[in-house]
Each structure stands twice: as C-alpha cells, then as structure tokens.
Amino acid sequence: MSQSLLYHAFGVREGYEYVRTEYRRGTVEFHLTVAPCLMVCPHCQGREIIRKGKRFRRIQTVPIGFKAVFLVPEAPRGQCRGCGQVFEVAPPLPRAMSTTRNG
C-alpha cells in the first residue's frame, strides 16, 4: 500500500504509517499506526516516552466502488520519563474538505 494513495485518496497526513488492509463483511479497513515522531509529551515536549497501551478508532471515509472504507488509526497512550505526564496521542486525522467549487 502506498502512503501516497492514503494521502491523496483519503486525506491521511504525515504521522501515520500503513500497517495492513483487512476485508471484513463487505468493507475495506486500512490499519494505521502512529509514527514515532508524534510520540512527544504535550506538557514538556520531551521525547523519552514509555508506551502505556493503545486503542484504535474506526473512521468511515469515502467508498471504493460499492465497498465501505474505514481508516483504523492507532491512538497510543504514553508517559513522559521527564515530567511523568500521562497522555494519549491524538493522531492528525483527515481534515474536513469543502465540497463546493468557487467560480
């Protein structure tokens, strides 16, 4: 799977890495993980992070033909070694886009 396809077709920005594609009950799921560069403490900006688990989000996006498509990004939880802050990385999700044309 091409990072370029995820970006251009589904609006997936930097910070995600493609993991796998699953075909479930007539749908297509693209599983994504958070790039290590996003594991930064929001409190002190420290980069020494201890991973403390993760959860996944399931976000429906535009279909491919008649198949429903879902992005399944990881939302890791971490703790900063420097300040002790516990946080969840909210990965940069695709931004809403206007469907109207100017002019």
PDB file of N, CA and C in Angstrom:
ATOM      1  N   MET A   1       0.862  -1.180   0.000  1.00  0.00           N
ATOM      2  CA  MET A   1       0.000   0.000   0.000  1.00  0.00           C
ATOM      3  C   MET A   1       0.897   1.227   0.000  1.00  0.00           C
ATOM      4  N   SER A   2       0.545   2.177  -0.780  1.00  0.00           N
ATOM      5  CA  SER A   2       1.319   3.390  -0.931  1.00  0.00           C
ATOM      6  C   SER A   2       0.854   4.476   0.031  1.00  0.00           C
ATOM      7  N   GLN A   3       1.801   5.103   0.719  1.00  0.00           N
ATOM      8  CA  GLN A   3       1.473   6.258   1.564  1.00  0.00           C
ATOM      9  C   GLN A   3       0.840   7.346   0.705  1.00  0.00           C
ATOM     10  N   SER A   4       1.274   7.435  -0.546  1.00  0.00           N
ATOM     11  CA  SER A   4       0.739   8.434  -1.463  1.00  0.00           C
ATOM     12  C   SER A   4      -0.752   8.211  -1.704  1.00  0.00           C
ATOM     13  N   LEU A   5      -1.170   6.958  -1.867  1.00  0.00           N
ATOM     14  CA  LEU A   5      -2.584   6.661  -2.054  1.00  0.00           C
ATOM     15  C   LEU A   5      -3.386   7.056  -0.820  1.00  0.00           C
ATOM     16  N   LEU A   6      -2.886   6.728   0.356  1.00  0.00           N
ATOM     17  CA  LEU A   6      -3.593   7.110   1.586  1.00  0.00           C
ATOM     18  C   LEU A   6      -3.737   8.625   1.690  1.00  0.00           C
ATOM     19  N   TYR A   7      -2.698   9.346   1.305  1.00  0.00           N
ATOM     20  CA  TYR A   7      -2.742  10.808   1.371  1.00  0.00           C
ATOM     21  C   TYR A   7      -3.702  11.384   0.338  1.00  0.00           C
ATOM     22  N   HIS A   8      -3.534  11.016  -0.910  1.00  0.00           N
ATOM     23  CA  HIS A   8      -4.308  11.631  -1.985  1.00  0.00           C
ATOM     24  C   HIS A   8      -5.759  11.156  -2.045  1.00  0.00           C
ATOM     25  N   ALA A   9      -6.015   9.889  -1.750  1.00  0.00           N
ATOM     26  CA  ALA A   9      -7.376   9.367  -1.843  1.00  0.00           C
ATOM     27  C   ALA A   9      -8.184   9.591  -0.569  1.00  0.00           C
ATOM     28  N   PHE A  10      -7.520   9.532   0.601  1.00  0.00           N
ATOM     29  CA  PHE A  10      -8.260   9.564   1.858  1.00  0.00           C
ATOM     30  C   PHE A  10      -7.852  10.700   2.795  1.00  0.00           C
ATOM     31  N   GLY A  11      -6.898  11.517   2.395  1.00  0.00           N
ATOM     32  CA  GLY A  11      -6.513  12.662   3.215  1.00  0.00           C
ATOM     33  C   GLY A  11      -5.672  12.328   4.425  1.00  0.00           C
ATOM     34  N   VAL A  12      -5.038  11.145   4.448  1.00  0.00           N
ATOM     35  CA  VAL A  12      -4.196  10.764   5.578  1.00  0.00           C
ATOM     36  C   VAL A  12      -2.890  11.546   5.493  1.00  0.00           C
ATOM     37  N   ARG A  13      -2.636  12.338   6.524  1.00  0.00           N
ATOM     38  CA  ARG A  13      -1.459  13.205   6.521  1.00  0.00           C
ATOM     39  C   ARG A  13      -0.259  12.524   7.167  1.00  0.00           C
ATOM     40  N   GLU A  14       0.842  13.273   7.235  1.00  0.00           N
ATOM     41  CA  GLU A  14       2.062  12.762   7.869  1.00  0.00           C
ATOM     42  C   GLU A  14       1.768  12.361   9.306  1.00  0.00           C
ATOM     43  N   GLY A  15       2.500  11.399   9.791  1.00  0.00           N
ATOM     44  CA  GLY A  15       2.317  10.948  11.157  1.00  0.00           C
ATOM     45  C   GLY A  15       1.719   9.555  11.250  1.00  0.00           C
ATOM     46  N   TYR A  16       1.236   9.042  10.139  1.00  0.00           N
ATOM     47  CA  TYR A  16       0.694   7.691  10.091  1.00  0.00           C
ATOM     48  C   TYR A  16       1.609   6.806   9.262  1.00  0.00           C
ATOM     49  N   GLU A  17       1.645   5.544   9.621  1.00  0.00           N
ATOM     50  CA  GLU A  17       2.334   4.549   8.817  1.00  0.00           C
ATOM     51  C   GLU A  17       1.347   3.413   8.540  1.00  0.00           C
ATOM     52  N   TYR A  18       1.281   2.994   7.282  1.00  0.00           N
ATOM     53  CA  TYR A  18       0.398   1.909   6.881  1.00  0.00           C
ATOM     54  C   TYR A  18       0.851   0.600   7.523  1.00  0.00           C
ATOM     55  N   VAL A  19      -0.097  -0.190   8.047  1.00  0.00           N
ATOM     56  CA  VAL A  19       0.210  -1.482   8.661  1.00  0.00           C
ATOM     57  C   VAL A  19      -0.329  -2.624   7.810  1.00  0.00           C
ATOM     58  N   ARG A  20      -1.647  -2.610   7.530  1.00  0.00           N
ATOM     59  CA  ARG A  20      -2.244  -3.709   6.760  1.00  0.00           C
ATOM     60  C   ARG A  20      -3.634  -3.299   6.272  1.00  0.00           C
ATOM     61  N   THR A  21      -4.169  -4.096   5.365  1.00  0.00           N
ATOM     62  CA  THR A  21      -5.538  -3.935   4.872  1.00  0.00           C
ATOM     63  C   THR A  21      -6.311  -5.188   5.246  1.00  0.00           C
ATOM     64  N   GLU A  22      -7.528  -5.007   5.754  1.00  0.00           N
ATOM     65  CA  GLU A  22      -8.400  -6.137   6.070  1.00  0.00           C
ATOM     66  C   GLU A  22      -9.712  -5.976   5.308  1.00  0.00           C
ATOM     67  N   TYR A  23     -10.255  -7.091   4.873  1.00  0.00           N
ATOM     68  CA  TYR A  23     -11.535  -7.114   4.176  1.00  0.00           C
ATOM     69  C   TYR A  23     -12.518  -7.838   5.081  1.00  0.00           C
ATOM     70  N   ARG A  24     -13.480  -7.095   5.628  1.00  0.00           N
ATOM     71  CA  ARG A  24     -14.423  -7.660   6.602  1.00  0.00           C
ATOM     72  C   ARG A  24     -15.858  -7.369   6.201  1.00  0.00           C
ATOM     73  N   ARG A  25     -16.660  -8.399   6.119  1.00  0.00           N
ATOM     74  CA  ARG A  25     -18.095  -8.257   5.885  1.00  0.00           C
ATOM     75  C   ARG A  25     -18.425  -7.206   4.819  1.00  0.00           C
ATOM     76  N   GLY A  26     -17.759  -7.285   3.697  1.00  0.00           N
ATOM     77  CA  GLY A  26     -18.047  -6.374   2.592  1.00  0.00           C
ATOM     78  C   GLY A  26     -17.448  -4.990   2.731  1.00  0.00           C
ATOM     79  N   THR A  27     -16.530  -4.794   3.699  1.00  0.00           N
ATOM     80  CA  THR A  27     -15.881  -3.490   3.867  1.00  0.00           C
ATOM     81  C   THR A  27     -14.372  -3.637   3.698  1.00  0.00           C
ATOM     82  N   VAL A  28     -13.707  -2.507   3.542  1.00  0.00           N
ATOM     83  CA  VAL A  28     -12.247  -2.459   3.448  1.00  0.00           C
ATOM     84  C   VAL A  28     -11.757  -1.618   4.620  1.00  0.00           C
ATOM     85  N   GLU A  29     -10.791  -2.135   5.394  1.00  0.00           N
ATOM     86  CA  GLU A  29     -10.222  -1.403   6.520  1.00  0.00           C
ATOM     87  C   GLU A  29      -8.721  -1.233   6.314  1.00  0.00           C
ATOM     88  N   PHE A  30      -8.262   0.010   6.373  1.00  0.00           N
ATOM     89  CA  PHE A  30      -6.839   0.320   6.308  1.00  0.00           C
ATOM     90  C   PHE A  30      -6.365   0.601   7.730  1.00  0.00           C
ATOM     91  N   HIS A  31      -5.502  -0.272   8.260  1.00  0.00           N
ATOM     92  CA  HIS A  31      -4.990  -0.120   9.616  1.00  0.00           C
ATOM     93  C   HIS A  31      -3.706   0.710   9.571  1.00  0.00           C
ATOM     94  N   LEU A  32      -3.638   1.688  10.490  1.00  0.00           N
ATOM     95  CA  LEU A  32      -2.534   2.638  10.518  1.00  0.00           C
ATOM     96  C   LEU A  32      -1.955   2.726  11.923  1.00  0.00           C
ATOM     97  N   THR A  33      -0.656   2.972  12.011  1.00  0.00           N
ATOM     98  CA  THR A  33      -0.013   3.194  13.292  1.00  0.00           C
ATOM     99  C   THR A  33       0.557   4.608  13.322  1.00  0.00           C
ATOM    100  N   VAL A  34       0.779   5.125  14.511  1.00  0.00           N
ATOM    101  CA  VAL A  34       1.329   6.470  14.670  1.00  0.00           C
ATOM    102  C   VAL A  34       2.843   6.398  14.514  1.00  0.00           C
ATOM    103  N   ALA A  35       3.394   7.305  13.731  1.00  0.00           N
ATOM    104  CA  ALA A  35       4.842   7.364  13.537  1.00  0.00           C
ATOM    105  C   ALA A  35       5.522   7.770  14.851  1.00  0.00           C
ATOM    106  N   PRO A  36       6.719   7.252  15.121  1.00  0.00           N
ATOM    107  CA  PRO A  36       7.425   7.585  16.358  1.00  0.00           C
ATOM    108  C   PRO A  36       7.644   9.087  16.561  1.00  0.00           C
ATOM    109  N   CYS A  37       7.699   9.848  15.484  1.00  0.00           N
ATOM    110  CA  CYS A  37       7.948  11.290  15.608  1.00  0.00           C
ATOM    111  C   CYS A  37       6.807  12.012  16.332  1.00  0.00           C
ATOM    112  N   LEU A  38       5.609  11.400  16.419  1.00  0.00           N
ATOM    113  CA  LEU A  38       4.484  12.025  17.120  1.00  0.00           C
ATOM    114  C   LEU A  38       4.443  11.687  18.606  1.00  0.00           C
ATOM    115  N   MET A  39       5.308  10.793  19.053  1.00  0.00           N
ATOM    116  CA  MET A  39       5.344  10.440  20.473  1.00  0.00           C
ATOM    117  C   MET A  39       6.150  11.497  21.226  1.00  0.00           C
ATOM    118  N   VAL A  40       5.500  12.627  21.496  1.00  0.00           N
ATOM    119  CA  VAL A  40       6.107  13.767  22.176  1.00  0.00           C
ATOM    120  C   VAL A  40       5.185  14.184  23.313  1.00  0.00           C
ATOM    121  N   CYS A  41       5.753  14.471  24.476  1.00  0.00           N
ATOM    122  CA  CYS A  41       4.962  14.889  25.625  1.00  0.00           C
ATOM    123  C   CYS A  41       4.324  16.251  25.346  1.00  0.00           C
ATOM    124  N   PRO A  42       3.004  16.379  25.473  1.00  0.00           N
ATOM    125  CA  PRO A  42       2.349  17.666  25.229  1.00  0.00           C
ATOM    126  C   PRO A  42       2.636  18.692  26.321  1.00  0.00           C
ATOM    127  N   HIS A  43       3.114  18.225  27.481  1.00  0.00           N
ATOM    128  CA  HIS A  43       3.388  19.132  28.601  1.00  0.00           C
ATOM    129  C   HIS A  43       4.776  19.770  28.519  1.00  0.00           C
ATOM    130  N   CYS A  44       5.814  18.912  28.349  1.00  0.00           N
ATOM    131  CA  CYS A  44       7.190  19.429  28.373  1.00  0.00           C
ATOM    132  C   CYS A  44       7.923  19.268  27.043  1.00  0.00           C
ATOM    133  N   GLN A  45       7.259  18.693  26.035  1.00  0.00           N
ATOM    134  CA  GLN A  45       7.841  18.421  24.720  1.00  0.00           C
ATOM    135  C   GLN A  45       8.958  17.379  24.763  1.00  0.00           C
ATOM    136  N   GLY A  46       9.033  16.595  25.851  1.00  0.00           N
ATOM    137  CA  GLY A  46      10.032  15.535  25.966  1.00  0.00           C
ATOM    138  C   GLY A  46       9.780  14.417  24.967  1.00  0.00           C
ATOM    139  N   ARG A  47      10.857  13.767  24.545  1.00  0.00           N
ATOM    140  CA  ARG A  47      10.743  12.696  23.558  1.00  0.00           C
ATOM    141  C   ARG A  47      11.044  11.316  24.141  1.00  0.00           C
ATOM    142  N   GLU A  48      11.363  11.246  25.422  1.00  0.00           N
ATOM    143  CA  GLU A  48      11.585   9.952  26.064  1.00  0.00           C
ATOM    144  C   GLU A  48      10.253   9.495  26.645  1.00  0.00           C
ATOM    145  N   ILE A  49       9.553   8.672  25.884  1.00  0.00           N
ATOM    146  CA  ILE A  49       8.194   8.278  26.212  1.00  0.00           C
ATOM    147  C   ILE A  49       8.130   6.776  26.467  1.00  0.00           C
ATOM    148  N   ILE A  50       7.406   6.390  27.506  1.00  0.00           N
ATOM    149  CA  ILE A  50       7.134   4.987  27.793  1.00  0.00           C
ATOM    150  C   ILE A  50       5.728   4.709  27.266  1.00  0.00           C
ATOM    151  N   ARG A  51       5.595   3.738  26.377  1.00  0.00           N
ATOM    152  CA  ARG A  51       4.257   3.395  25.868  1.00  0.00           C
ATOM    153  C   ARG A  51       3.460   2.682  26.950  1.00  0.00           C
ATOM    154  N   LYS A  52       2.208   3.093  27.107  1.00  0.00           N
ATOM    155  CA  LYS A  52       1.332   2.557  28.145  1.00  0.00           C
ATOM    156  C   LYS A  52       0.041   2.004  27.551  1.00  0.00           C
ATOM    157  N   GLY A  53       0.119   1.417  26.390  1.00  0.00           N
ATOM    158  CA  GLY A  53      -1.061   0.845  25.762  1.00  0.00           C
ATOM    159  C   GLY A  53      -1.524   1.664  24.569  1.00  0.00           C
ATOM    160  N   LYS A  54      -2.644   1.252  23.998  1.00  0.00           N
ATOM    161  CA  LYS A  54      -3.191   1.943  22.831  1.00  0.00           C
ATOM    162  C   LYS A  54      -4.635   1.529  22.647  1.00  0.00           C
ATOM    163  N   ARG A  55      -5.342   2.304  21.862  1.00  0.00           N
ATOM    164  CA  ARG A  55      -6.684   1.951  21.419  1.00  0.00           C
ATOM    165  C   ARG A  55      -6.758   2.291  19.948  1.00  0.00           C
ATOM    166  N   PHE A  56      -7.838   1.877  19.314  1.00  0.00           N
ATOM    167  CA  PHE A  56      -7.991   2.133  17.888  1.00  0.00           C
ATOM    168  C   PHE A  56      -9.301   2.866  17.645  1.00  0.00           C
ATOM    169  N   ARG A  57      -9.296   3.709  16.644  1.00  0.00           N
ATOM    170  CA  ARG A  57     -10.504   4.397  16.201  1.00  0.00           C
ATOM    171  C   ARG A  57     -10.898   3.799  14.860  1.00  0.00           C
ATOM    172  N   ARG A  58     -12.176   3.811  14.560  1.00  0.00           N
ATOM    173  CA  ARG A  58     -12.654   3.279  13.268  1.00  0.00           C
ATOM    174  C   ARG A  58     -13.436   4.403  12.606  1.00  0.00           C
ATOM    175  N   ILE A  59     -12.863   4.961  11.558  1.00  0.00           N
ATOM    176  CA  ILE A  59     -13.410   6.155  10.915  1.00  0.00           C
ATOM    177  C   ILE A  59     -13.819   5.817   9.491  1.00  0.00           C
ATOM    178  N   GLN A  60     -15.096   6.033   9.190  1.00  0.00           N
ATOM    179  CA  GLN A  60     -15.576   5.754   7.831  1.00  0.00           C
ATOM    180  C   GLN A  60     -15.159   6.896   6.910  1.00  0.00           C
ATOM    181  N   THR A  61     -14.717   6.539   5.722  1.00  0.00           N
ATOM    182  CA  THR A  61     -14.296   7.524   4.732  1.00  0.00           C
ATOM    183  C   THR A  61     -15.026   7.222   3.412  1.00  0.00           C
ATOM    184  N   VAL A  62     -14.570   7.814   2.333  1.00  0.00           N
ATOM    185  CA  VAL A  62     -15.244   7.643   1.047  1.00  0.00           C
ATOM    186  C   VAL A  62     -15.144   6.186   0.576  1.00  0.00           C
ATOM    187  N   PRO A  63     -16.172   5.686  -0.092  1.00  0.00           N
ATOM    188  CA  PRO A  63     -16.160   4.280  -0.526  1.00  0.00           C
ATOM    189  C   PRO A  63     -15.242   4.041  -1.712  1.00  0.00           C
ATOM    190  N   ILE A  64     -14.904   2.785  -1.894  1.00  0.00           N
ATOM    191  CA  ILE A  64     -14.217   2.333  -3.103  1.00  0.00           C
ATOM    192  C   ILE A  64     -15.246   1.478  -3.836  1.00  0.00           C
ATOM    193  N   GLY A  65     -15.762   2.001  -4.945  1.00  0.00           N
ATOM    194  CA  GLY A  65     -16.857   1.316  -5.641  1.00  0.00           C
ATOM    195  C   GLY A  65     -18.049   1.221  -4.710  1.00  0.00           C
ATOM    196  N   PHE A  66     -18.541  -0.003  -4.487  1.00  0.00           N
ATOM    197  CA  PHE A  66     -19.670  -0.209  -3.588  1.00  0.00           C
ATOM    198  C   PHE A  66     -19.233  -0.673  -2.201  1.00  0.00           C
ATOM    199  N   LYS A  67     -17.937  -0.669  -1.943  1.00  0.00           N
ATOM    200  CA  LYS A  67     -17.409  -1.127  -0.658  1.00  0.00           C
ATOM    201  C   LYS A  67     -17.224   0.054   0.297  1.00  0.00           C
ATOM    202  N   ALA A  68     -17.747  -0.080   1.511  1.00  0.00           N
ATOM    203  CA  ALA A  68     -17.499   0.923   2.550  1.00  0.00           C
ATOM    204  C   ALA A  68     -16.031   0.832   2.957  1.00  0.00           C
ATOM    205  N   VAL A  69     -15.405   1.974   3.214  1.00  0.00           N
ATOM    206  CA  VAL A  69     -13.989   2.020   3.573  1.00  0.00           C
ATOM    207  C   VAL A  69     -13.844   2.676   4.942  1.00  0.00           C
ATOM    208  N   PHE A  70     -13.003   2.067   5.777  1.00  0.00           N
ATOM    209  CA  PHE A  70     -12.740   2.589   7.110  1.00  0.00           C
ATOM    210  C   PHE A  70     -11.236   2.747   7.308  1.00  0.00           C
ATOM    211  N   LEU A  71     -10.839   3.849   7.941  1.00  0.00           N
ATOM    212  CA  LEU A  71      -9.471   4.026   8.412  1.00  0.00           C
ATOM    213  C   LEU A  71      -9.476   3.607   9.866  1.00  0.00           C
ATOM    214  N   VAL A  72      -8.490   2.822  10.272  1.00  0.00           N
ATOM    215  CA  VAL A  72      -8.398   2.345  11.651  1.00  0.00           C
ATOM    216  C   VAL A  72      -7.046   2.784  12.214  1.00  0.00           C
ATOM    217  N   PRO A  73      -6.950   4.057  12.667  1.00  0.00           N
ATOM    218  CA  PRO A  73      -5.678   4.544  13.206  1.00  0.00           C
ATOM    219  C   PRO A  73      -5.507   4.173  14.678  1.00  0.00           C
ATOM    220  N   GLU A  74      -4.263   3.958  15.047  1.00  0.00           N
ATOM    221  CA  GLU A  74      -3.877   3.701  16.427  1.00  0.00           C
ATOM    222  C   GLU A  74      -3.878   5.020  17.195  1.00  0.00           C
ATOM    223  N   ALA A  75      -4.288   4.981  18.463  1.00  0.00           N
ATOM    224  CA  ALA A  75      -4.183   6.136  19.360  1.00  0.00           C
ATOM    225  C   ALA A  75      -3.402   5.661  20.586  1.00  0.00           C
ATOM    226  N   PRO A  76      -2.046   5.774  20.537  1.00  0.00           N
ATOM    227  CA  PRO A  76      -1.237   5.241  21.629  1.00  0.00           C
ATOM    228  C   PRO A  76      -1.304   6.123  22.887  1.00  0.00           C
ATOM    229  N   ARG A  77      -1.128   5.472  24.025  1.00  0.00           N
ATOM    230  CA  ARG A  77      -1.068   6.160  25.308  1.00  0.00           C
ATOM    231  C   ARG A  77       0.382   6.091  25.769  1.00  0.00           C
ATOM    232  N   GLY A  78       0.879   7.168  26.363  1.00  0.00           N
ATOM    233  CA  GLY A  78       2.264   7.188  26.798  1.00  0.00           C
ATOM    234  C   GLY A  78       2.449   7.950  28.086  1.00  0.00           C
ATOM    235  N   GLN A  79       3.630   7.778  28.674  1.00  0.00           N
ATOM    236  CA  GLN A  79       4.011   8.525  29.868  1.00  0.00           C
ATOM    237  C   GLN A  79       5.409   9.081  29.648  1.00  0.00           C
ATOM    238  N   CYS A  80       5.562  10.369  29.922  1.00  0.00           N
ATOM    239  CA  CYS A  80       6.844  11.040  29.735  1.00  0.00           C
ATOM    240  C   CYS A  80       7.795  10.643  30.868  1.00  0.00           C
ATOM    241  N   ARG A  81       9.009  10.251  30.507  1.00  0.00           N
ATOM    242  CA  ARG A  81      10.016   9.916  31.518  1.00  0.00           C
ATOM    243  C   ARG A  81      10.487  11.160  32.259  1.00  0.00           C
ATOM    244  N   GLY A  82      10.430  12.305  31.583  1.00  0.00           N
ATOM    245  CA  GLY A  82      10.925  13.540  32.188  1.00  0.00           C
ATOM    246  C   GLY A  82      10.000  14.129  33.239  1.00  0.00           C
ATOM    247  N   CYS A  83       8.739  14.345  32.875  1.00  0.00           N
ATOM    248  CA  CYS A  83       7.807  15.032  33.782  1.00  0.00           C
ATOM    249  C   CYS A  83       6.738  14.113  34.364  1.00  0.00           C
ATOM    250  N   GLY A  84       6.627  12.869  33.865  1.00  0.00           N
ATOM    251  CA  GLY A  84       5.660  11.927  34.393  1.00  0.00           C
ATOM    252  C   GLY A  84       4.251  12.069  33.836  1.00  0.00           C
ATOM    253  N   GLN A  85       4.040  13.038  32.954  1.00  0.00           N
ATOM    254  CA  GLN A  85       2.714  13.273  32.364  1.00  0.00           C
ATOM    255  C   GLN A  85       2.256  12.045  31.591  1.00  0.00           C
ATOM    256  N   VAL A  86       1.000  11.619  31.817  1.00  0.00           N
ATOM    257  CA  VAL A  86       0.387  10.532  31.050  1.00  0.00           C
ATOM    258  C   VAL A  86      -0.527  11.175  30.021  1.00  0.00           C
ATOM    259  N   PHE A  87      -0.451  10.719  28.778  1.00  0.00           N
ATOM    260  CA  PHE A  87      -1.219  11.342  27.705  1.00  0.00           C
ATOM    261  C   PHE A  87      -1.536  10.333  26.625  1.00  0.00           C
ATOM    262  N   GLU A  88      -2.498  10.698  25.780  1.00  0.00           N
ATOM    263  CA  GLU A  88      -2.826   9.897  24.608  1.00  0.00           C
ATOM    264  C   GLU A  88      -2.501  10.722  23.371  1.00  0.00           C
ATOM    265  N   VAL A  89      -1.831  10.104  22.430  1.00  0.00           N
ATOM    266  CA  VAL A  89      -1.514  10.792  21.183  1.00  0.00           C
ATOM    267  C   VAL A  89      -2.759  10.764  20.309  1.00  0.00           C
ATOM    268  N   ALA A  90      -3.274  11.941  20.009  1.00  0.00           N
ATOM    269  CA  ALA A  90      -4.409  12.048  19.099  1.00  0.00           C
ATOM    270  C   ALA A  90      -3.830  12.274  17.713  1.00  0.00           C
ATOM    271  N   PRO A  91      -3.765  11.225  16.891  1.00  0.00           N
ATOM    272  CA  PRO A  91      -3.126  11.376  15.590  1.00  0.00           C
ATOM    273  C   PRO A  91      -3.868  12.371  14.705  1.00  0.00           C
ATOM    274  N   PRO A  92      -3.133  13.027  13.815  1.00  0.00           N
ATOM    275  CA  PRO A  92      -3.767  14.008  12.923  1.00  0.00           C
ATOM    276  C   PRO A  92      -4.692  13.322  11.934  1.00  0.00           C
ATOM    277  N   LEU A  93      -5.976  13.469  12.138  1.00  0.00           N
ATOM    278  CA  LEU A  93      -6.966  12.836  11.268  1.00  0.00           C
ATOM    279  C   LEU A  93      -7.173  13.675  10.021  1.00  0.00           C
ATOM    280  N   PRO A  94      -7.734  13.076   8.984  1.00  0.00           N
ATOM    281  CA  PRO A  94      -8.001  13.857   7.780  1.00  0.00           C
ATOM    282  C   PRO A  94      -8.891  15.054   8.096  1.00  0.00           C
ATOM    283  N   ARG A  95      -8.585  16.170   7.494  1.00  0.00           N
ATOM    284  CA  ARG A  95      -9.357  17.395   7.711  1.00  0.00           C
ATOM    285  C   ARG A  95     -10.588  17.405   6.826  1.00  0.00           C
ATOM    286  N   ALA A  96     -11.635  18.054   7.328  1.00  0.00           N
ATOM    287  CA  ALA A  96     -12.844  18.222   6.524  1.00  0.00           C
ATOM    288  C   ALA A  96     -12.516  19.083   5.314  1.00  0.00           C
ATOM    289  N   MET A  97     -13.090  18.735   4.185  1.00  0.00           N
ATOM    290  CA  MET A  97     -12.824  19.479   2.966  1.00  0.00           C
ATOM    291  C   MET A  97     -14.140  20.029   2.424  1.00  0.00           C
ATOM    292  N   SER A  98     -14.084  21.168   1.818  1.00  0.00           N
ATOM    293  CA  SER A  98     -15.258  21.766   1.212  1.00  0.00           C
ATOM    294  C   SER A  98     -15.638  21.008  -0.049  1.00  0.00           C
ATOM    295  N   THR A  99     -16.925  20.852  -0.271  1.00  0.00           N
ATOM    296  CA  THR A  99     -17.375  20.167  -1.478  1.00  0.00           C
ATOM    297  C   THR A  99     -17.902  21.140  -2.522  1.00  0.00           C
ATOM    298  N   THR A 100     -17.795  22.425  -2.247  1.00  0.00           N
ATOM    299  CA  THR A 100     -18.264  23.438  -3.216  1.00  0.00           C
ATOM    300  C   THR A 100     -17.091  23.945  -4.022  1.00  0.00           C
ATOM    301  N   ARG A 101     -17.378  24.381  -5.221  1.00  0.00           N
ATOM    302  CA  ARG A 101     -16.348  24.945  -6.090  1.00  0.00           C
ATOM    303  C   ARG A 101     -16.548  26.458  -6.195  1.00  0.00           C
ATOM    304  N   ASN A 102     -15.470  27.160  -6.230  1.00  0.00           N
ATOM    305  CA  ASN A 102     -15.527  28.616  -6.420  1.00  0.00           C
ATOM    306  C   ASN A 102     -15.419  28.929  -7.898  1.00  0.00           C
ATOM    307  N   GLY A 103     -16.308  29.784  -8.341  1.00  0.00           N
ATOM    308  CA  GLY A 103     -16.205  30.284  -9.709  1.00  0.00           C
ATOM    309  C   GLY A 103     -16.830  29.421 -10.688  1.00  0.00           C
TER     310      GLY A 103
END
